[in-house]
């Protein structure tokens, strides 16, 4: 992968049974860098209309996060190294799903 020129802030906030966001310290937030433009990929996925908006967003973000894990897992000493073949296979399937027209 090329250098990481895009930065994303990922925020996960649980929604309570009443539909409101949780209160207190319950949000998970982290930064992820990627050489790919997830926003363009999401726009492209939504134009294809193969997945719902939520599914398309999930697939684009999940693929980006899995790609970052796969890069780290290429180091044999990394704890995720044993998952490398599965990560590569899953990423390839997600990319093929997005590329199918």
PDB file of N, CA and C in Angstrom:
ATOM      1  N   UNK A   1       0.836  -1.184   0.000  1.00  0.00           N
ATOM      2  CA  UNK A   1       0.000   0.000   0.000  1.00  0.00           C
ATOM      3  C   UNK A   1       0.875   1.239   0.000  1.00  0.00           C
ATOM      4  N   UNK A   2       0.373   2.276  -0.618  1.00  0.00           N
ATOM      5  CA  UNK A   2       1.117   3.530  -0.653  1.00  0.00           C
ATOM      6  C   UNK A   2       1.010   4.233   0.691  1.00  0.00           C
ATOM      7  N   UNK A   3       1.653   5.379   0.773  1.00  0.00           N
ATOM      8  CA  UNK A   3       1.628   6.112   2.031  1.00  0.00           C
ATOM      9  C   UNK A   3       0.201   6.505   2.404  1.00  0.00           C
ATOM     10  N   UNK A   4      -0.014   6.662   3.690  1.00  0.00           N
ATOM     11  CA  UNK A   4      -1.347   6.987   4.197  1.00  0.00           C
ATOM     12  C   UNK A   4      -1.586   8.479   4.100  1.00  0.00           C
ATOM     13  N   UNK A   5      -2.378   8.885   3.115  1.00  0.00           N
ATOM     14  CA  UNK A   5      -2.607  10.313   2.942  1.00  0.00           C
ATOM     15  C   UNK A   5      -3.983  10.751   3.421  1.00  0.00           C
ATOM     16  N   UNK A   6      -4.841   9.811   3.785  1.00  0.00           N
ATOM     17  CA  UNK A   6      -6.163  10.161   4.299  1.00  0.00           C
ATOM     18  C   UNK A   6      -6.240   9.760   5.768  1.00  0.00           C
ATOM     19  N   UNK A   7      -6.845  10.639   6.567  1.00  0.00           N
ATOM     20  CA  UNK A   7      -7.031  10.352   7.994  1.00  0.00           C
ATOM     21  C   UNK A   7      -8.517  10.364   8.293  1.00  0.00           C
ATOM     22  N   UNK A   8      -8.935   9.402   9.101  1.00  0.00           N
ATOM     23  CA  UNK A   8     -10.343   9.293   9.473  1.00  0.00           C
ATOM     24  C   UNK A   8     -10.447   9.168  10.987  1.00  0.00           C
ATOM     25  N   UNK A   9     -11.463   9.788  11.538  1.00  0.00           N
ATOM     26  CA  UNK A   9     -11.761   9.623  12.956  1.00  0.00           C
ATOM     27  C   UNK A   9     -12.996   8.742  13.035  1.00  0.00           C
ATOM     28  N   UNK A  10     -12.844   7.595  13.646  1.00  0.00           N
ATOM     29  CA  UNK A  10     -13.928   6.626  13.782  1.00  0.00           C
ATOM     30  C   UNK A  10     -14.534   6.810  15.170  1.00  0.00           C
ATOM     31  N   UNK A  11     -15.836   6.982  15.219  1.00  0.00           N
ATOM     32  CA  UNK A  11     -16.543   7.150  16.485  1.00  0.00           C
ATOM     33  C   UNK A  11     -17.658   6.129  16.568  1.00  0.00           C
ATOM     34  N   UNK A  12     -17.693   5.410  17.675  1.00  0.00           N
ATOM     35  CA  UNK A  12     -18.748   4.427  17.920  1.00  0.00           C
ATOM     36  C   UNK A  12     -19.462   4.851  19.196  1.00  0.00           C
ATOM     37  N   UNK A  13     -20.747   5.157  19.069  1.00  0.00           N
ATOM     38  CA  UNK A  13     -21.550   5.580  20.210  1.00  0.00           C
ATOM     39  C   UNK A  13     -22.777   4.686  20.313  1.00  0.00           C
ATOM     40  N   UNK A  14     -22.909   3.939  21.390  1.00  0.00           N
ATOM     41  CA  UNK A  14     -24.089   3.089  21.543  1.00  0.00           C
ATOM     42  C   UNK A  14     -25.369   3.920  21.626  1.00  0.00           C
ATOM     43  N   UNK A  15     -26.441   3.354  21.118  1.00  0.00           N
ATOM     44  CA  UNK A  15     -27.752   3.992  21.208  1.00  0.00           C
ATOM     45  C   UNK A  15     -28.585   3.190  22.195  1.00  0.00           C
ATOM     46  N   UNK A  16     -29.173   3.878  23.148  1.00  0.00           N
ATOM     47  CA  UNK A  16     -29.979   3.224  24.186  1.00  0.00           C
ATOM     48  C   UNK A  16     -31.309   2.749  23.610  1.00  0.00           C
ATOM     49  N   UNK A  17     -32.029   1.958  24.377  1.00  0.00           N
ATOM     50  CA  UNK A  17     -33.315   1.403  23.942  1.00  0.00           C
ATOM     51  C   UNK A  17     -34.315   2.503  23.588  1.00  0.00           C
ATOM     52  N   UNK A  18     -34.197   3.665  24.230  1.00  0.00           N
ATOM     53  CA  UNK A  18     -35.122   4.767  23.955  1.00  0.00           C
ATOM     54  C   UNK A  18     -34.724   5.566  22.708  1.00  0.00           C
ATOM     55  N   UNK A  19     -33.651   5.145  22.031  1.00  0.00           N
ATOM     56  CA  UNK A  19     -33.217   5.813  20.813  1.00  0.00           C
ATOM     57  C   UNK A  19     -32.220   6.931  21.040  1.00  0.00           C
ATOM     58  N   UNK A  20     -31.949   7.265  22.276  1.00  0.00           N
ATOM     59  CA  UNK A  20     -30.994   8.326  22.586  1.00  0.00           C
ATOM     60  C   UNK A  20     -29.592   7.758  22.715  1.00  0.00           C
ATOM     61  N   UNK A  21     -28.592   8.627  22.491  1.00  0.00           N
ATOM     62  CA  UNK A  21     -27.215   8.197  22.703  1.00  0.00           C
ATOM     63  C   UNK A  21     -26.999   7.949  24.183  1.00  0.00           C
ATOM     64  N   UNK A  22     -26.072   7.063  24.485  1.00  0.00           N
ATOM     65  CA  UNK A  22     -25.777   6.796  25.886  1.00  0.00           C
ATOM     66  C   UNK A  22     -25.193   8.057  26.523  1.00  0.00           C
ATOM     67  N   UNK A  23     -25.274   8.134  27.817  1.00  0.00           N
ATOM     68  CA  UNK A  23     -24.716   9.289  28.517  1.00  0.00           C
ATOM     69  C   UNK A  23     -23.495   8.833  29.304  1.00  0.00           C
ATOM     70  N   UNK A  24     -22.606   9.736  29.555  1.00  0.00           N
ATOM     71  CA  UNK A  24     -21.390   9.379  30.267  1.00  0.00           C
ATOM     72  C   UNK A  24     -20.274   9.030  29.303  1.00  0.00           C
ATOM     73  N   UNK A  25     -19.331   8.270  29.796  1.00  0.00           N
ATOM     74  CA  UNK A  25     -18.148   7.911  29.004  1.00  0.00           C
ATOM     75  C   UNK A  25     -18.366   6.573  28.315  1.00  0.00           C
ATOM     76  N   UNK A  26     -19.080   6.580  27.221  1.00  0.00           N
ATOM     77  CA  UNK A  26     -19.376   5.314  26.550  1.00  0.00           C
ATOM     78  C   UNK A  26     -19.032   5.336  25.068  1.00  0.00           C
ATOM     79  N   UNK A  27     -18.438   6.394  24.582  1.00  0.00           N
ATOM     80  CA  UNK A  27     -18.088   6.490  23.170  1.00  0.00           C
ATOM     81  C   UNK A  27     -16.653   6.018  22.958  1.00  0.00           C
ATOM     82  N   UNK A  28     -16.465   5.222  21.922  1.00  0.00           N
ATOM     83  CA  UNK A  28     -15.129   4.785  21.517  1.00  0.00           C
ATOM     84  C   UNK A  28     -14.747   5.636  20.306  1.00  0.00           C
ATOM     85  N   UNK A  29     -13.553   6.204  20.351  1.00  0.00           N
ATOM     86  CA  UNK A  29     -13.115   7.046  19.244  1.00  0.00           C
ATOM     87  C   UNK A  29     -11.636   6.781  18.981  1.00  0.00           C
ATOM     88  N   UNK A  30     -11.294   6.627  17.702  1.00  0.00           N
ATOM     89  CA  UNK A  30      -9.900   6.419  17.340  1.00  0.00           C
ATOM     90  C   UNK A  30      -9.659   6.946  15.937  1.00  0.00           C
ATOM     91  N   UNK A  31      -8.390   7.095  15.606  1.00  0.00           N
ATOM     92  CA  UNK A  31      -8.010   7.606  14.291  1.00  0.00           C
ATOM     93  C   UNK A  31      -7.462   6.468  13.447  1.00  0.00           C
ATOM     94  N   UNK A  32      -7.768   6.514  12.156  1.00  0.00           N
ATOM     95  CA  UNK A  32      -7.249   5.515  11.217  1.00  0.00           C
ATOM     96  C   UNK A  32      -6.734   6.231   9.980  1.00  0.00           C
ATOM     97  N   UNK A  33      -5.566   5.869   9.535  1.00  0.00           N
ATOM     98  CA  UNK A  33      -4.997   6.415   8.304  1.00  0.00           C
ATOM     99  C   UNK A  33      -5.172   5.394   7.193  1.00  0.00           C
ATOM    100  N   UNK A  34      -5.309   5.894   5.975  1.00  0.00           N
ATOM    101  CA  UNK A  34      -5.496   5.005   4.833  1.00  0.00           C
ATOM    102  C   UNK A  34      -4.960   5.673   3.572  1.00  0.00           C
ATOM    103  N   UNK A  35      -4.393   4.892   2.673  1.00  0.00           N
ATOM    104  CA  UNK A  35      -3.972   5.461   1.396  1.00  0.00           C
ATOM    105  C   UNK A  35      -5.162   5.690   0.469  1.00  0.00           C
ATOM    106  N   UNK A  36      -6.317   5.128   0.820  1.00  0.00           N
ATOM    107  CA  UNK A  36      -7.491   5.212  -0.050  1.00  0.00           C
ATOM    108  C   UNK A  36      -8.497   6.226   0.475  1.00  0.00           C
ATOM    109  N   UNK A  37      -9.263   6.780  -0.434  1.00  0.00           N
ATOM    110  CA  UNK A  37     -10.281   7.767  -0.086  1.00  0.00           C
ATOM    111  C   UNK A  37     -11.602   7.047   0.167  1.00  0.00           C
ATOM    112  N   UNK A  38     -11.910   6.830   1.436  1.00  0.00           N
ATOM    113  CA  UNK A  38     -13.119   6.081   1.805  1.00  0.00           C
ATOM    114  C   UNK A  38     -14.381   6.806   1.363  1.00  0.00           C
ATOM    115  N   UNK A  39     -14.359   8.127   1.342  1.00  0.00           N
ATOM    116  CA  UNK A  39     -15.554   8.876   0.953  1.00  0.00           C
ATOM    117  C   UNK A  39     -15.886   8.619  -0.516  1.00  0.00           C
ATOM    118  N   UNK A  40     -14.885   8.618  -1.372  1.00  0.00           N
ATOM    119  CA  UNK A  40     -15.126   8.313  -2.793  1.00  0.00           C
ATOM    120  C   UNK A  40     -15.589   6.871  -2.963  1.00  0.00           C
ATOM    121  N   UNK A  41     -15.012   5.965  -2.183  1.00  0.00           N
ATOM    122  CA  UNK A  41     -15.421   4.565  -2.264  1.00  0.00           C
ATOM    123  C   UNK A  41     -16.872   4.392  -1.815  1.00  0.00           C
ATOM    124  N   UNK A  42     -17.269   5.130  -0.783  1.00  0.00           N
ATOM    125  CA  UNK A  42     -18.652   5.050  -0.314  1.00  0.00           C
ATOM    126  C   UNK A  42     -19.607   5.611  -1.362  1.00  0.00           C
ATOM    127  N   UNK A  43     -19.250   6.741  -1.957  1.00  0.00           N
ATOM    128  CA  UNK A  43     -20.090   7.310  -3.018  1.00  0.00           C
ATOM    129  C   UNK A  43     -20.237   6.325  -4.172  1.00  0.00           C
ATOM    130  N   UNK A  44     -19.145   5.673  -4.531  1.00  0.00           N
ATOM    131  CA  UNK A  44     -19.171   4.686  -5.609  1.00  0.00           C
ATOM    132  C   UNK A  44     -20.061   3.497  -5.237  1.00  0.00           C
ATOM    133  N   UNK A  45     -19.935   3.025  -4.011  1.00  0.00           N
ATOM    134  CA  UNK A  45     -20.752   1.891  -3.555  1.00  0.00           C
ATOM    135  C   UNK A  45     -22.237   2.253  -3.544  1.00  0.00           C
ATOM    136  N   UNK A  46     -22.556   3.474  -3.154  1.00  0.00           N
ATOM    137  CA  UNK A  46     -23.960   3.886  -3.113  1.00  0.00           C
ATOM    138  C   UNK A  46     -24.540   4.036  -4.514  1.00  0.00           C
ATOM    139  N   UNK A  47     -23.719   4.425  -5.483  1.00  0.00           N
ATOM    140  CA  UNK A  47     -24.192   4.512  -6.871  1.00  0.00           C
ATOM    141  C   UNK A  47     -24.549   3.136  -7.425  1.00  0.00           C
ATOM    142  N   UNK A  48     -23.842   2.115  -6.970  1.00  0.00           N
ATOM    143  CA  UNK A  48     -24.109   0.762  -7.456  1.00  0.00           C
ATOM    144  C   UNK A  48     -25.451   0.226  -6.954  1.00  0.00           C
ATOM    145  N   UNK A  49     -25.901   0.707  -5.815  1.00  0.00           N
ATOM    146  CA  UNK A  49     -27.184   0.316  -5.223  1.00  0.00           C
ATOM    147  C   UNK A  49     -27.316  -1.192  -4.999  1.00  0.00           C
ATOM    148  N   UNK A  50     -26.218  -1.858  -4.749  1.00  0.00           N
ATOM    149  CA  UNK A  50     -26.261  -3.290  -4.450  1.00  0.00           C
ATOM    150  C   UNK A  50     -26.493  -3.521  -2.968  1.00  0.00           C
ATOM    151  N   UNK A  51     -26.038  -2.602  -2.151  1.00  0.00           N
ATOM    152  CA  UNK A  51     -26.165  -2.709  -0.702  1.00  0.00           C
ATOM    153  C   UNK A  51     -26.961  -1.522  -0.187  1.00  0.00           C
ATOM    154  N   UNK A  52     -27.558  -1.682   0.990  1.00  0.00           N
ATOM    155  CA  UNK A  52     -28.223  -0.539   1.620  1.00  0.00           C
ATOM    156  C   UNK A  52     -27.150   0.488   1.994  1.00  0.00           C
ATOM    157  N   UNK A  53     -27.570   1.694   2.315  1.00  0.00           N
ATOM    158  CA  UNK A  53     -26.605   2.743   2.695  1.00  0.00           C
ATOM    159  C   UNK A  53     -25.763   2.304   3.890  1.00  0.00           C
ATOM    160  N   UNK A  54     -26.417   1.715   4.900  1.00  0.00           N
ATOM    161  CA  UNK A  54     -25.685   1.256   6.081  1.00  0.00           C
ATOM    162  C   UNK A  54     -24.724   0.126   5.737  1.00  0.00           C
ATOM    163  N   UNK A  55     -25.161  -0.801   4.882  1.00  0.00           N
ATOM    164  CA  UNK A  55     -24.285  -1.909   4.484  1.00  0.00           C
ATOM    165  C   UNK A  55     -23.097  -1.401   3.680  1.00  0.00           C
ATOM    166  N   UNK A  56     -23.338  -0.462   2.772  1.00  0.00           N
ATOM    167  CA  UNK A  56     -22.251   0.095   1.961  1.00  0.00           C
ATOM    168  C   UNK A  56     -21.233   0.811   2.848  1.00  0.00           C
ATOM    169  N   UNK A  57     -21.713   1.620   3.779  1.00  0.00           N
ATOM    170  CA  UNK A  57     -20.809   2.325   4.689  1.00  0.00           C
ATOM    171  C   UNK A  57     -20.026   1.328   5.536  1.00  0.00           C
ATOM    172  N   UNK A  58     -20.714   0.326   6.046  1.00  0.00           N
ATOM    173  CA  UNK A  58     -20.045  -0.696   6.851  1.00  0.00           C
ATOM    174  C   UNK A  58     -18.985  -1.438   6.062  1.00  0.00           C
ATOM    175  N   UNK A  59     -19.298  -1.788   4.814  1.00  0.00           N
ATOM    176  CA  UNK A  59     -18.342  -2.525   3.982  1.00  0.00           C
ATOM    177  C   UNK A  59     -17.109  -1.680   3.668  1.00  0.00           C
ATOM    178  N   UNK A  60     -17.306  -0.409   3.358  1.00  0.00           N
ATOM    179  CA  UNK A  60     -16.172   0.473   3.039  1.00  0.00           C
ATOM    180  C   UNK A  60     -15.285   0.667   4.263  1.00  0.00           C
ATOM    181  N   UNK A  61     -15.890   0.990   5.403  1.00  0.00           N
ATOM    182  CA  UNK A  61     -15.109   1.228   6.617  1.00  0.00           C
ATOM    183  C   UNK A  61     -14.453  -0.068   7.093  1.00  0.00           C
ATOM    184  N   UNK A  62     -15.196  -1.168   7.080  1.00  0.00           N
ATOM    185  CA  UNK A  62     -14.632  -2.453   7.512  1.00  0.00           C
ATOM    186  C   UNK A  62     -13.453  -2.852   6.637  1.00  0.00           C
ATOM    187  N   UNK A  63     -13.578  -2.650   5.331  1.00  0.00           N
ATOM    188  CA  UNK A  63     -12.474  -2.987   4.430  1.00  0.00           C
ATOM    189  C   UNK A  63     -11.240  -2.157   4.765  1.00  0.00           C
ATOM    190  N   UNK A  64     -11.434  -0.864   4.991  1.00  0.00           N
ATOM    191  CA  UNK A  64     -10.307   0.000   5.349  1.00  0.00           C
ATOM    192  C   UNK A  64      -9.644  -0.415   6.648  1.00  0.00           C
ATOM    193  N   UNK A  65     -10.444  -0.753   7.651  1.00  0.00           N
ATOM    194  CA  UNK A  65      -9.885  -1.180   8.933  1.00  0.00           C
ATOM    195  C   UNK A  65      -9.175  -2.524   8.805  1.00  0.00           C
ATOM    196  N   UNK A  66      -9.780  -3.448   8.059  1.00  0.00           N
ATOM    197  CA  UNK A  66      -9.149  -4.760   7.858  1.00  0.00           C
ATOM    198  C   UNK A  66      -7.838  -4.633   7.082  1.00  0.00           C
ATOM    199  N   UNK A  67      -7.796  -3.721   6.110  1.00  0.00           N
ATOM    200  CA  UNK A  67      -6.553  -3.505   5.363  1.00  0.00           C
ATOM    201  C   UNK A  67      -5.438  -3.027   6.291  1.00  0.00           C
ATOM    202  N   UNK A  68      -5.763  -2.143   7.228  1.00  0.00           N
ATOM    203  CA  UNK A  68      -4.760  -1.666   8.179  1.00  0.00           C
ATOM    204  C   UNK A  68      -4.271  -2.812   9.063  1.00  0.00           C
ATOM    205  N   UNK A  69      -5.189  -3.671   9.495  1.00  0.00           N
ATOM    206  CA  UNK A  69      -4.788  -4.833  10.289  1.00  0.00           C
ATOM    207  C   UNK A  69      -3.917  -5.780   9.473  1.00  0.00           C
ATOM    208  N   UNK A  70      -4.271  -5.976   8.212  1.00  0.00           N
ATOM    209  CA  UNK A  70      -3.511  -6.885   7.353  1.00  0.00           C
ATOM    210  C   UNK A  70      -2.085  -6.383   7.142  1.00  0.00           C
ATOM    211  N   UNK A  71      -1.921  -5.081   6.998  1.00  0.00           N
ATOM    212  CA  UNK A  71      -0.577  -4.516   6.834  1.00  0.00           C
ATOM    213  C   UNK A  71       0.250  -4.799   8.081  1.00  0.00           C
ATOM    214  N   UNK A  72      -0.326  -4.568   9.253  1.00  0.00           N
ATOM    215  CA  UNK A  72       0.388  -4.828  10.506  1.00  0.00           C
ATOM    216  C   UNK A  72       0.692  -6.316  10.668  1.00  0.00           C
ATOM    217  N   UNK A  73      -0.232  -7.168  10.237  1.00  0.00           N
ATOM    218  CA  UNK A  73      -0.090  -8.613  10.422  1.00  0.00           C
ATOM    219  C   UNK A  73       0.958  -9.228   9.502  1.00  0.00           C
ATOM    220  N   UNK A  74       1.469  -8.487   8.548  1.00  0.00           N
ATOM    221  CA  UNK A  74       2.497  -9.033   7.648  1.00  0.00           C
ATOM    222  C   UNK A  74       3.827  -9.259   8.365  1.00  0.00           C
ATOM    223  N   UNK A  75       3.989  -8.616   9.505  1.00  0.00           N
ATOM    224  CA  UNK A  75       5.176  -8.836  10.333  1.00  0.00           C
ATOM    225  C   UNK A  75       4.959 -10.132  11.116  1.00  0.00           C
ATOM    226  N   UNK A  76       5.831 -11.115  10.916  1.00  0.00           N
ATOM    227  CA  UNK A  76       5.658 -12.422  11.562  1.00  0.00           C
ATOM    228  C   UNK A  76       5.576 -12.337  13.082  1.00  0.00           C
ATOM    229  N   UNK A  77       6.160 -11.306  13.678  1.00  0.00           N
ATOM    230  CA  UNK A  77       6.139 -11.167  15.130  1.00  0.00           C
ATOM    231  C   UNK A  77       4.840 -10.541  15.646  1.00  0.00           C
ATOM    232  N   UNK A  78       4.015 -10.037  14.755  1.00  0.00           N
ATOM    233  CA  UNK A  78       2.774  -9.373  15.161  1.00  0.00           C
ATOM    234  C   UNK A  78       1.765 -10.405  15.666  1.00  0.00           C
ATOM    235  N   UNK A  79       1.001 -10.079  16.719  1.00  0.00           N
ATOM    236  CA  UNK A  79       0.012 -11.022  17.250  1.00  0.00           C
ATOM    237  C   UNK A  79      -1.043 -11.459  16.228  1.00  0.00           C
ATOM    238  N   UNK A  80      -1.294 -10.651  15.208  1.00  0.00           N
ATOM    239  CA  UNK A  80      -2.296 -11.003  14.197  1.00  0.00           C
ATOM    240  C   UNK A  80      -1.707 -11.737  12.994  1.00  0.00           C
ATOM    241  N   UNK A  81      -0.420 -12.033  13.019  1.00  0.00           N
ATOM    242  CA  UNK A  81       0.241 -12.651  11.866  1.00  0.00           C
ATOM    243  C   UNK A  81      -0.431 -13.956  11.445  1.00  0.00           C
ATOM    244  N   UNK A  82      -0.920 -14.733  12.394  1.00  0.00           N
ATOM    245  CA  UNK A  82      -1.568 -16.009  12.060  1.00  0.00           C
ATOM    246  C   UNK A  82      -2.854 -15.802  11.267  1.00  0.00           C
ATOM    247  N   UNK A  83      -3.432 -14.611  11.343  1.00  0.00           N
ATOM    248  CA  UNK A  83      -4.679 -14.314  10.630  1.00  0.00           C
ATOM    249  C   UNK A  83      -4.450 -13.765   9.226  1.00  0.00           C
ATOM    250  N   UNK A  84      -3.198 -13.576   8.838  1.00  0.00           N
ATOM    251  CA  UNK A  84      -2.897 -12.928   7.562  1.00  0.00           C
ATOM    252  C   UNK A  84      -3.626 -13.547   6.374  1.00  0.00           C
ATOM    253  N   UNK A  85      -3.608 -14.867   6.186  1.00  0.00           N
ATOM    254  CA  UNK A  85      -4.308 -15.426   5.017  1.00  0.00           C
ATOM    255  C   UNK A  85      -5.811 -15.143   5.036  1.00  0.00           C
ATOM    256  N   UNK A  86      -6.422 -15.240   6.209  1.00  0.00           N
ATOM    257  CA  UNK A  86      -7.857 -14.977   6.314  1.00  0.00           C
ATOM    258  C   UNK A  86      -8.174 -13.510   6.075  1.00  0.00           C
ATOM    259  N   UNK A  87      -7.342 -12.622   6.598  1.00  0.00           N
ATOM    260  CA  UNK A  87      -7.547 -11.190   6.367  1.00  0.00           C
ATOM    261  C   UNK A  87      -7.458 -10.870   4.881  1.00  0.00           C
ATOM    262  N   UNK A  88      -6.429 -11.388   4.225  1.00  0.00           N
ATOM    263  CA  UNK A  88      -6.272 -11.131   2.790  1.00  0.00           C
ATOM    264  C   UNK A  88      -7.455 -11.672   1.999  1.00  0.00           C
ATOM    265  N   UNK A  89      -7.933 -12.871   2.364  1.00  0.00           N
ATOM    266  CA  UNK A  89      -9.075 -13.463   1.665  1.00  0.00           C
ATOM    267  C   UNK A  89     -10.348 -12.658   1.846  1.00  0.00           C
ATOM    268  N   UNK A  90     -10.599 -12.220   3.071  1.00  0.00           N
ATOM    269  CA  UNK A  90     -11.803 -11.432   3.346  1.00  0.00           C
ATOM    270  C   UNK A  90     -11.749 -10.081   2.643  1.00  0.00           C
ATOM    271  N   UNK A  91     -10.600  -9.445   2.669  1.00  0.00           N
ATOM    272  CA  UNK A  91     -10.444  -8.156   1.987  1.00  0.00           C
ATOM    273  C   UNK A  91     -10.694  -8.322   0.490  1.00  0.00           C
ATOM    274  N   UNK A  92     -10.150  -9.370  -0.098  1.00  0.00           N
ATOM    275  CA  UNK A  92     -10.354  -9.613  -1.533  1.00  0.00           C
ATOM    276  C   UNK A  92     -11.834  -9.805  -1.851  1.00  0.00           C
ATOM    277  N   UNK A  93     -12.556 -10.516  -0.996  1.00  0.00           N
ATOM    278  CA  UNK A  93     -13.990 -10.735  -1.224  1.00  0.00           C
ATOM    279  C   UNK A  93     -14.777  -9.436  -1.087  1.00  0.00           C
ATOM    280  N   UNK A  94     -14.436  -8.613  -0.101  1.00  0.00           N
ATOM    281  CA  UNK A  94     -15.116  -7.327   0.065  1.00  0.00           C
ATOM    282  C   UNK A  94     -14.840  -6.409  -1.126  1.00  0.00           C
ATOM    283  N   UNK A  95     -13.616  -6.395  -1.601  1.00  0.00           N
ATOM    284  CA  UNK A  95     -13.286  -5.560  -2.761  1.00  0.00           C
ATOM    285  C   UNK A  95     -13.998  -6.059  -4.011  1.00  0.00           C
ATOM    286  N   UNK A  96     -14.088  -7.372  -4.176  1.00  0.00           N
ATOM    287  CA  UNK A  96     -14.788  -7.936  -5.337  1.00  0.00           C
ATOM    288  C   UNK A  96     -16.270  -7.587  -5.294  1.00  0.00           C
ATOM    289  N   UNK A  97     -16.849  -7.579  -4.117  1.00  0.00           N
ATOM    290  CA  UNK A  97     -18.259  -7.219  -3.965  1.00  0.00           C
ATOM    291  C   UNK A  97     -18.493  -5.784  -4.416  1.00  0.00           C
ATOM    292  N   UNK A  98     -17.585  -4.898  -4.047  1.00  0.00           N
ATOM    293  CA  UNK A  98     -17.732  -3.491  -4.429  1.00  0.00           C
ATOM    294  C   UNK A  98     -17.475  -3.281  -5.910  1.00  0.00           C
ATOM    295  N   UNK A  99     -16.615  -4.097  -6.511  1.00  0.00           N
ATOM    296  CA  UNK A  99     -16.260  -3.896  -7.914  1.00  0.00           C
ATOM    297  C   UNK A  99     -17.258  -4.539  -8.864  1.00  0.00           C
ATOM    298  N   UNK A 100     -18.034  -5.502  -8.387  1.00  0.00           N
ATOM    299  CA  UNK A 100     -19.034  -6.155  -9.249  1.00  0.00           C
ATOM    300  C   UNK A 100     -20.109  -5.143  -9.602  1.00  0.00           C
ATOM    301  N   UNK A 101     -20.486  -5.112 -10.822  1.00  0.00           N
ATOM    302  CA  UNK A 101     -21.491  -4.113 -11.255  1.00  0.00           C
ATOM    303  C   UNK A 101     -22.765  -4.794 -11.621  1.00  0.00           C
TER     304      UNK A 101
END
